[in-house]
Amino acid sequence: MAKGIRDKVAILGMGCSKFGERWDCEAEDLMVEAFEEGLADAGVDKNQINAAWLSTAIEDVHVGKSGVPLAVALRLPYIPVTRVENYCASGSEAFRGAVYAVASGAADIALALGVEKLKDTGYGGLPQRGRGVLNSMVNANGSAPGNFAQLAAAYRAKHGVSREDMKRAMAHISVKSHDNGSRNPKAHLQSKITEEQVLNAPMVAEPLGLFDCCGVSDGAACAIVTTPEIAKSMGKKNIVTVKALQLSVSNGIEAQHNSWDGSYFMTARVAAKRAYEEAGIKNPREQISLMEVHDCFSVTELVTMEDLYISPEGGAIKDVLDGFYDHDGKLPCQIDGGLKCFGHPIGSSGLRMLYEMYLQMQGRAGARQRKEQPVFGMTHNLGGAPNMNVCSVAIVGLEGA
């Protein structure tokens, strides 16, 4: 019977580029920027890395379909390099490959690096990508804001939420993310906003206004992982280990069967339950210290609070408005600004989330550092549409916790 990977893998070092409109850089430059920080943080030589995983989503714009660009950009020593893609969970997928390689004993030290140059596509949003399941004529009239606006409508209908309460909660989420992003020198958006600005902003897809939507960014992030024993032998302190890593993928029922009411993410609920079991967490609302979730839209963050079993069903709006998820709240969410303000270069987002968890646990997050010592940090990636998607949930924490 599978036993999971709890405490079998330690994060040796991490790095993250500045996110934003990086017109001055190629994808390879961003890879090097993140990798140099990660390598220095890990305290190893690149020749000690046994295997690597590269994640990108829009590969035809910048790096191409293979792992070769990572090996060339970093001058890796002829090691295996695997390129992975799983929609917006691509960075988490690269991390999963590196973690599993170490947990299995196939590698002592492994690298996961994600990168995306979305500004170079020329699109205000994401470019169309071929004729796959999510881009066929079945979804010809769909858009990302439109699909997630329907999520908001379904949630309101199910829980009897007024339009005003929904908008207030979504506005609070956006204001919170901008406030958190203002403390983050690597964030794409670093200016604070007001609730009035959110509520009066141009409408994108009712009820999602301009400030309810994350933007398009360039950036890269990486993680170097090893065993806890190797990390200790190198004199590492405050070792952060992987407690759980789960991936759930839609099988089509949400899109093809009326048993799903459109108000939640089935994959998130499945992945969360598996992750808590793997990590030995019984009460996530009390035990999780920090969260980074896939806030592609403010309503996504709201619904995700319930899908991860932090807020009770129908109770996320109250928790949000009570400040439960604020920087100084009981369980901060998006303490680095999230996708909304740190940015969303697709291939690197999952690793960027882990980067924040790692820094917070080591007390190195600067102006945004949480005063209380974080014990367990959770990251959540969602890729696709509400009715067909992939969801990754990772839990990391201090060794021994």
Protein backbone atom coordinates (compact mmCIF):
# COMPACT_ATOMS: atom_id res chain seq x y z
CA MET A 1 0.00 0.00 0.00
CA ALA A 2 1.27 3.47 -0.87
CA LYS A 3 2.66 5.34 2.13
CA GLY A 4 3.16 8.77 0.60
CA ILE A 5 6.20 11.01 0.73
CA ARG A 6 5.82 12.72 4.09
CA ASP A 7 9.21 13.97 5.36
CA LYS A 8 11.14 11.99 2.74
CA VAL A 9 12.22 15.10 0.85
CA ALA A 10 13.66 18.44 2.04
CA ILE A 11 13.81 21.75 0.21
CA LEU A 12 17.52 22.57 0.04
CA GLY A 13 17.20 25.94 -1.66
CA MET A 14 14.81 28.09 -3.69
CA GLY A 15 14.99 31.03 -6.03
CA CYS A 16 12.56 33.39 -7.77
CA SER A 17 13.01 36.09 -10.36
CA LYS A 18 11.32 39.46 -10.24
CA PHE A 19 7.87 39.00 -11.81
CA GLY A 20 6.37 41.55 -14.17
CA GLU A 21 6.72 42.95 -17.67
CA ARG A 22 10.27 41.73 -18.22
CA TRP A 23 10.78 43.10 -21.73
CA ASP A 24 14.53 43.24 -21.04
CA CYS A 25 14.81 39.46 -20.65
CA GLU A 26 14.45 36.27 -22.61
CA ALA A 27 13.04 33.19 -20.89
CA GLU A 28 16.60 31.94 -20.49
CA ASP A 29 17.56 35.09 -18.57
CA LEU A 30 14.70 34.53 -16.14
CA MET A 31 15.76 30.90 -15.68
CA VAL A 32 19.27 32.00 -14.79
CA GLU A 33 17.99 34.71 -12.42
CA ALA A 34 15.90 32.23 -10.42
CA PHE A 35 18.50 29.45 -10.58
CA GLU A 36 21.40 31.57 -9.36
CA GLU A 37 19.43 32.53 -6.25
CA GLY A 38 18.35 28.93 -5.68
CA LEU A 39 21.83 27.53 -6.16
CA ALA A 40 23.38 30.03 -3.74
CA ASP A 41 20.62 29.36 -1.23
CA ALA A 42 21.12 25.60 -1.47
CA GLY A 43 24.88 25.89 -1.11
CA VAL A 44 25.62 23.30 -3.77
CA ASP A 45 27.39 23.25 -7.12
CA LYS A 46 25.25 22.63 -10.19
CA ASN A 47 27.35 19.54 -10.92
CA GLN A 48 25.81 17.96 -7.80
CA ILE A 49 22.32 18.07 -9.34
CA ASN A 50 21.31 14.62 -10.62
CA ALA A 51 18.13 15.43 -12.54
CA ALA A 52 15.94 18.40 -13.48
CA TRP A 53 12.36 19.22 -14.44
CA LEU A 54 11.35 22.26 -16.49
CA SER A 55 7.77 23.54 -16.53
CA THR A 56 6.24 25.87 -19.12
CA ALA A 57 2.70 26.15 -20.44
CA ILE A 58 2.89 28.23 -23.64
CA GLU A 59 6.00 26.49 -24.91
CA ASP A 60 5.77 27.59 -28.54
CA VAL A 61 6.31 31.23 -27.55
CA HIS A 62 9.64 30.92 -25.82
CA VAL A 63 11.45 27.71 -24.80
CA GLY A 64 9.98 25.02 -27.06
CA LYS A 65 8.79 21.53 -26.23
CA SER A 66 11.85 19.82 -24.74
CA GLY A 67 14.05 20.13 -21.67
CA VAL A 68 17.03 21.25 -23.76
CA PRO A 69 16.61 25.02 -23.14
CA LEU A 70 16.99 24.51 -19.37
CA ALA A 71 20.11 22.40 -19.81
CA VAL A 72 21.62 24.95 -22.19
CA ALA A 73 20.68 28.08 -20.23
CA LEU A 74 22.08 26.66 -16.97
CA ARG A 75 24.88 24.60 -18.55
CA LEU A 76 23.70 21.54 -16.67
CA PRO A 77 26.16 18.60 -16.67
CA TYR A 78 24.45 16.28 -19.22
CA ILE A 79 21.83 15.16 -16.69
CA PRO A 80 18.23 14.10 -17.43
CA VAL A 81 15.99 17.12 -18.02
CA THR A 82 12.25 16.60 -18.45
CA ARG A 83 9.85 19.29 -19.61
CA VAL A 84 6.36 19.08 -18.13
CA GLU A 85 3.09 20.96 -18.70
CA ASN A 86 -0.23 20.65 -16.87
CA TYR A 87 -2.03 23.95 -17.46
CA CYS A 88 -1.65 26.37 -14.55
CA ALA A 89 -0.40 23.56 -12.30
CA SER A 90 2.73 23.13 -14.44
CA GLY A 91 5.13 24.50 -11.79
CA SER A 92 3.69 22.15 -9.19
CA GLU A 93 4.10 19.31 -11.68
CA ALA A 94 7.82 20.07 -12.08
CA PHE A 95 8.16 20.10 -8.30
CA ARG A 96 6.35 16.76 -8.11
CA GLY A 97 8.81 15.21 -10.56
CA ALA A 98 11.85 16.41 -8.63
CA VAL A 99 10.38 15.41 -5.27
CA TYR A 100 9.42 11.94 -6.45
CA ALA A 101 12.91 11.41 -7.90
CA VAL A 102 14.50 12.11 -4.51
CA ALA A 103 11.86 10.19 -2.54
CA SER A 104 12.41 7.13 -4.73
CA GLY A 105 16.17 7.23 -4.33
CA ALA A 106 16.72 7.83 -8.04
CA ALA A 107 18.39 11.18 -7.29
CA ASP A 108 20.16 12.69 -4.30
CA ILE A 109 19.61 16.26 -5.45
CA ALA A 110 17.03 17.36 -8.05
CA LEU A 111 15.94 20.65 -9.59
CA ALA A 112 12.48 21.92 -10.51
CA LEU A 113 12.31 25.17 -12.46
CA GLY A 114 9.33 26.90 -14.02
CA VAL A 115 9.35 29.83 -16.43
CA GLU A 116 6.95 31.76 -18.62
CA LYS A 117 7.26 34.78 -20.93
CA LEU A 118 3.59 35.63 -21.36
CA LYS A 119 4.13 39.27 -22.24
CA ASP A 120 5.85 38.17 -25.44
CA THR A 121 2.66 36.52 -26.72
CA GLY A 122 1.14 39.89 -27.57
CA TYR A 123 -2.14 38.95 -25.89
CA GLY A 124 -3.82 40.83 -23.06
CA GLY A 125 -4.84 37.45 -21.66
CA LEU A 126 -3.77 33.92 -22.55
CA PRO A 127 -3.34 32.97 -26.21
CA GLN A 128 -5.49 30.27 -27.78
CA ARG A 129 -3.77 26.91 -27.74
CA GLY A 130 -4.67 24.47 -30.47
CA ARG A 131 -7.80 22.31 -30.49
CA GLY A 132 -7.51 20.31 -27.30
CA VAL A 133 -10.30 19.35 -24.93
CA LEU A 134 -10.55 22.84 -23.43
CA ASN A 135 -10.21 24.70 -26.75
CA SER A 136 -12.60 22.85 -29.07
CA MET A 137 -15.81 24.25 -30.48
CA VAL A 138 -17.58 22.93 -27.37
CA ASN A 139 -16.14 25.94 -25.55
CA ALA A 140 -16.15 28.34 -28.48
CA ASN A 141 -18.02 31.01 -26.52
CA GLY A 142 -16.04 30.58 -23.31
CA SER A 143 -13.39 32.81 -21.82
CA ALA A 144 -11.48 32.58 -18.57
CA PRO A 145 -13.35 35.51 -16.92
CA GLY A 146 -16.66 34.26 -18.33
CA ASN A 147 -16.16 30.73 -17.03
CA PHE A 148 -15.26 31.89 -13.54
CA ALA A 149 -18.10 34.43 -13.51
CA GLN A 150 -20.40 31.43 -13.89
CA LEU A 151 -18.73 29.93 -10.82
CA ALA A 152 -19.71 33.07 -8.89
CA ALA A 153 -23.30 32.84 -10.12
CA ALA A 154 -23.56 29.16 -9.14
CA TYR A 155 -22.07 29.81 -5.70
CA ARG A 156 -24.49 32.68 -5.06
CA ALA A 157 -27.48 30.59 -6.12
CA LYS A 158 -26.50 27.59 -4.00
CA HIS A 159 -25.82 29.52 -0.81
CA GLY A 160 -28.39 32.30 -1.17
CA VAL A 161 -25.78 35.06 -1.24
CA SER A 162 -26.80 38.56 -2.29
CA ARG A 163 -24.98 40.29 -5.12
CA GLU A 164 -23.83 43.01 -2.70
CA ASP A 165 -22.31 40.57 -0.18
CA MET A 166 -20.56 38.68 -2.97
CA LYS A 167 -19.07 41.85 -4.40
CA ARG A 168 -17.95 43.07 -0.96
CA ALA A 169 -16.18 39.80 -0.21
CA MET A 170 -14.50 39.72 -3.62
CA ALA A 171 -13.43 43.34 -3.19
CA HIS A 172 -11.93 42.56 0.22
CA ILE A 173 -9.91 39.73 -1.35
CA SER A 174 -8.54 42.02 -4.06
CA VAL A 175 -7.71 44.83 -1.61
CA LYS A 176 -5.95 42.29 0.62
CA SER A 177 -3.86 40.94 -2.24
CA HIS A 178 -2.76 44.41 -3.31
CA ASP A 179 -1.90 45.34 0.28
CA ASN A 180 0.22 42.18 0.58
CA GLY A 181 1.83 42.75 -2.81
CA SER A 182 2.89 46.25 -1.74
CA ARG A 183 5.30 44.62 0.74
CA ASN A 184 6.87 42.39 -1.90
CA PRO A 185 9.75 43.83 -4.00
CA LYS A 186 9.51 40.93 -6.48
CA ALA A 187 5.79 41.33 -7.11
CA HIS A 188 4.48 42.54 -10.47
CA LEU A 189 1.89 44.86 -8.86
CA GLN A 190 3.01 46.71 -5.73
CA SER A 191 0.41 49.46 -5.31
CA LYS A 192 -2.41 49.42 -2.77
CA ILE A 193 -6.02 49.88 -3.84
CA THR A 194 -9.30 50.67 -2.10
CA GLU A 195 -12.60 48.80 -1.93
CA GLU A 196 -14.21 51.72 -3.75
CA GLN A 197 -11.79 51.32 -6.66
CA VAL A 198 -12.64 47.62 -6.93
CA LEU A 199 -16.40 48.16 -6.82
CA ASN A 200 -16.29 50.98 -9.37
CA ALA A 201 -13.84 49.37 -11.79
CA PRO A 202 -14.80 48.49 -15.38
CA MET A 203 -16.72 45.23 -15.62
CA VAL A 204 -15.00 42.28 -17.33
CA ALA A 205 -17.56 39.50 -16.82
CA GLU A 206 -20.30 40.16 -14.25
CA PRO A 207 -19.59 40.10 -11.31
CA LEU A 208 -15.84 40.16 -12.08
CA GLY A 209 -14.43 43.63 -12.53
CA LEU A 210 -10.94 44.69 -13.54
CA PHE A 211 -9.48 44.29 -10.05
CA ASP A 212 -11.01 40.82 -9.63
CA CYS A 213 -8.79 39.39 -12.37
CA CYS A 214 -5.10 38.51 -12.20
CA GLY A 215 -2.90 39.84 -14.96
CA VAL A 216 -0.29 38.43 -17.33
CA SER A 217 3.33 38.31 -16.17
CA ASP A 218 6.82 37.09 -17.00
CA GLY A 219 8.85 35.25 -14.39
CA ALA A 220 10.67 32.14 -13.19
CA ALA A 221 11.01 30.23 -9.92
CA CYS A 222 12.90 27.13 -8.86
CA ALA A 223 13.39 24.61 -6.07
CA ILE A 224 16.37 22.36 -5.32
CA VAL A 225 15.37 19.32 -3.28
CA THR A 226 17.23 16.53 -1.50
CA THR A 227 16.80 14.14 1.42
CA PRO A 228 16.57 15.46 5.00
CA GLU A 229 19.71 13.46 5.81
CA ILE A 230 21.75 15.18 3.11
CA ALA A 231 20.39 18.58 4.16
CA LYS A 232 21.47 17.92 7.76
CA SER A 233 24.91 16.75 6.65
CA MET A 234 25.33 20.14 4.96
CA GLY A 235 24.59 21.94 8.21
CA LYS A 236 21.16 23.24 7.15
CA LYS A 237 18.91 24.67 9.89
CA ASN A 238 15.13 25.12 9.98
CA ILE A 239 14.80 22.40 7.36
CA VAL A 240 11.55 22.54 5.39
CA THR A 241 10.25 19.15 4.29
CA VAL A 242 7.48 18.07 1.95
CA LYS A 243 4.55 16.73 3.95
CA ALA A 244 2.17 15.99 1.07
CA LEU A 245 1.89 16.44 -2.68
CA GLN A 246 -1.33 15.50 -4.43
CA LEU A 247 -2.73 16.00 -7.93
CA SER A 248 -6.36 15.50 -8.95
CA VAL A 249 -7.55 15.65 -12.57
CA SER A 250 -11.13 16.01 -13.85
CA ASN A 251 -12.53 12.94 -15.58
CA GLY A 252 -15.23 14.84 -17.44
CA ILE A 253 -18.16 14.30 -15.09
CA GLU A 254 -18.31 17.97 -14.08
CA ALA A 255 -18.71 18.98 -17.71
CA GLN A 256 -20.95 16.09 -18.75
CA HIS A 257 -23.23 15.27 -15.84
CA ASN A 258 -25.74 17.30 -13.81
CA SER A 259 -24.55 15.87 -10.48
CA TRP A 260 -22.09 18.82 -10.36
CA ASP A 261 -23.81 22.13 -9.66
CA GLY A 262 -20.98 24.45 -10.76
CA SER A 263 -20.44 26.06 -7.34
CA TYR A 264 -17.18 24.35 -6.32
CA PHE A 265 -14.10 22.51 -7.63
CA MET A 266 -14.36 18.75 -7.29
CA THR A 267 -10.64 18.27 -7.96
CA ALA A 268 -9.66 20.66 -5.17
CA ARG A 269 -11.79 18.78 -2.65
CA VAL A 270 -10.32 15.43 -3.67
CA ALA A 271 -6.71 16.66 -3.71
CA ALA A 272 -7.12 18.43 -0.36
CA LYS A 273 -8.50 15.34 1.39
CA ARG A 274 -5.66 13.22 0.06
CA ALA A 275 -3.05 15.82 1.05
CA TYR A 276 -4.35 16.14 4.60
CA GLU A 277 -4.31 12.37 4.98
CA GLU A 278 -0.76 12.14 3.62
CA ALA A 279 0.44 14.95 5.90
CA GLY A 280 -1.39 13.64 8.97
CA ILE A 281 -3.44 16.84 9.33
CA LYS A 282 -6.76 16.37 11.11
CA ASN A 283 -7.96 19.98 11.45
CA PRO A 284 -6.65 22.16 8.60
CA ARG A 285 -8.36 25.33 9.84
CA GLU A 286 -6.31 25.13 13.04
CA GLN A 287 -3.14 23.39 11.83
CA ILE A 288 -2.33 25.18 8.55
CA SER A 289 -0.27 28.33 9.20
CA LEU A 290 -0.18 29.94 5.75
CA MET A 291 -1.82 29.41 2.36
CA GLU A 292 -1.09 30.33 -1.23
CA VAL A 293 -4.00 29.48 -3.51
CA HIS A 294 -4.77 29.85 -7.19
CA ASP A 295 -6.48 33.25 -7.16
CA CYS A 296 -6.77 33.67 -10.92
CA PHE A 297 -9.95 35.56 -10.00
CA SER A 298 -11.12 36.82 -6.62
CA VAL A 299 -14.08 34.44 -6.68
CA THR A 300 -11.71 31.50 -7.16
CA GLU A 301 -9.95 32.31 -3.90
CA LEU A 302 -13.31 32.66 -2.14
CA VAL A 303 -14.61 29.28 -3.30
CA THR A 304 -11.26 27.58 -2.72
CA MET A 305 -11.40 28.43 1.00
CA GLU A 306 -14.31 26.01 1.24
CA ASP A 307 -12.93 23.43 -1.17
CA LEU A 308 -9.81 23.15 1.02
CA TYR A 309 -12.03 22.63 4.08
CA ILE A 310 -10.79 25.78 5.82
CA SER A 311 -14.09 27.68 5.77
CA PRO A 312 -17.36 25.77 6.21
CA GLU A 313 -19.60 25.47 3.15
CA GLY A 314 -21.26 28.80 2.59
CA GLY A 315 -19.07 30.38 5.27
CA ALA A 316 -16.15 31.75 3.25
CA ILE A 317 -17.74 35.18 2.78
CA LYS A 318 -18.00 35.69 6.56
CA ASP A 319 -14.40 34.54 7.10
CA VAL A 320 -13.14 36.83 4.34
CA LEU A 321 -14.97 39.89 5.63
CA ASP A 322 -13.93 39.10 9.22
CA GLY A 323 -10.26 39.29 8.14
CA PHE A 324 -9.55 35.62 8.84
CA TYR A 325 -7.33 35.41 5.72
CA ASP A 326 -5.68 38.84 6.02
CA HIS A 327 -1.95 39.36 6.59
CA ASP A 328 -2.55 39.73 10.33
CA GLY A 329 -5.47 37.29 10.44
CA LYS A 330 -5.65 33.76 11.81
CA LEU A 331 -4.65 32.10 8.53
CA PRO A 332 -3.06 34.48 5.99
CA CYS A 333 -3.76 33.70 2.36
CA GLN A 334 -1.66 35.20 -0.46
CA ILE A 335 0.73 36.86 1.98
CA ASP A 336 3.04 37.60 -0.98
CA GLY A 337 0.30 39.11 -3.17
CA GLY A 338 -0.80 35.90 -4.88
CA LEU A 339 -1.40 35.44 -8.58
CA LYS A 340 -3.30 38.72 -8.47
CA CYS A 341 -0.27 40.86 -7.55
CA PHE A 342 2.89 38.74 -7.46
CA GLY A 343 1.90 37.63 -10.95
CA HIS A 344 0.97 34.53 -12.90
CA PRO A 345 3.67 33.35 -15.33
CA ILE A 346 1.91 30.01 -15.70
CA GLY A 347 4.86 27.61 -15.66
CA SER A 348 6.37 29.15 -12.54
CA SER A 349 3.32 29.94 -10.36
CA GLY A 350 3.29 26.68 -8.38
CA LEU A 351 6.98 27.06 -7.53
CA ARG A 352 6.51 30.74 -6.66
CA MET A 353 3.89 29.74 -4.09
CA LEU A 354 6.30 27.25 -2.52
CA TYR A 355 9.03 29.90 -2.53
CA GLU A 356 6.91 32.06 -0.22
CA MET A 357 6.12 29.16 2.11
CA TYR A 358 9.83 28.32 2.29
CA LEU A 359 10.91 31.90 3.06
CA GLN A 360 8.23 32.35 5.69
CA MET A 361 9.21 29.17 7.51
CA GLN A 362 12.83 30.24 7.58
CA GLY A 363 11.96 33.75 8.78
CA ARG A 364 13.36 35.36 5.63
CA ALA A 365 10.31 37.03 4.06
CA GLY A 366 11.29 40.58 4.94
CA ALA A 367 8.54 43.18 5.36
CA ARG A 368 5.82 40.58 4.82
CA GLN A 369 7.20 38.09 7.36
CA ARG A 370 4.53 36.52 9.57
CA LYS A 371 5.22 37.20 13.26
CA GLU A 372 4.12 33.77 14.46
CA GLN A 373 6.40 30.89 13.43
CA PRO A 374 4.63 29.08 10.54
CA VAL A 375 4.53 25.31 10.96
CA PHE A 376 2.54 24.04 7.96
CA GLY A 377 2.16 25.88 4.65
CA MET A 378 -0.22 24.82 1.89
CA THR A 379 -0.17 25.69 -1.81
CA HIS A 380 -3.01 25.13 -4.26
CA ASN A 381 -2.79 25.28 -8.06
CA LEU A 382 -5.73 25.05 -10.41
CA GLY A 383 -5.49 24.77 -14.17
CA GLY A 384 -8.30 24.76 -16.71
CA ALA A 385 -11.92 25.82 -16.24
CA PRO A 386 -14.30 25.15 -13.35
CA ASN A 387 -15.95 22.33 -15.28
CA MET A 388 -12.73 20.58 -16.36
CA ASN A 389 -9.40 21.12 -14.65
CA VAL A 390 -6.33 19.85 -12.85
CA CYS A 391 -5.65 20.69 -9.20
CA SER A 392 -2.44 20.33 -7.20
CA VAL A 393 -2.26 20.65 -3.42
CA ALA A 394 1.11 20.65 -1.65
CA ILE A 395 1.84 20.87 2.06
CA VAL A 396 5.28 21.73 3.37
CA GLY A 397 6.42 22.25 6.93
CA LEU A 398 9.27 22.32 9.37
CA GLU A 399 11.01 19.01 9.87
CA GLY A 400 9.56 17.08 12.77
CA ALA A 401 6.22 18.89 12.68
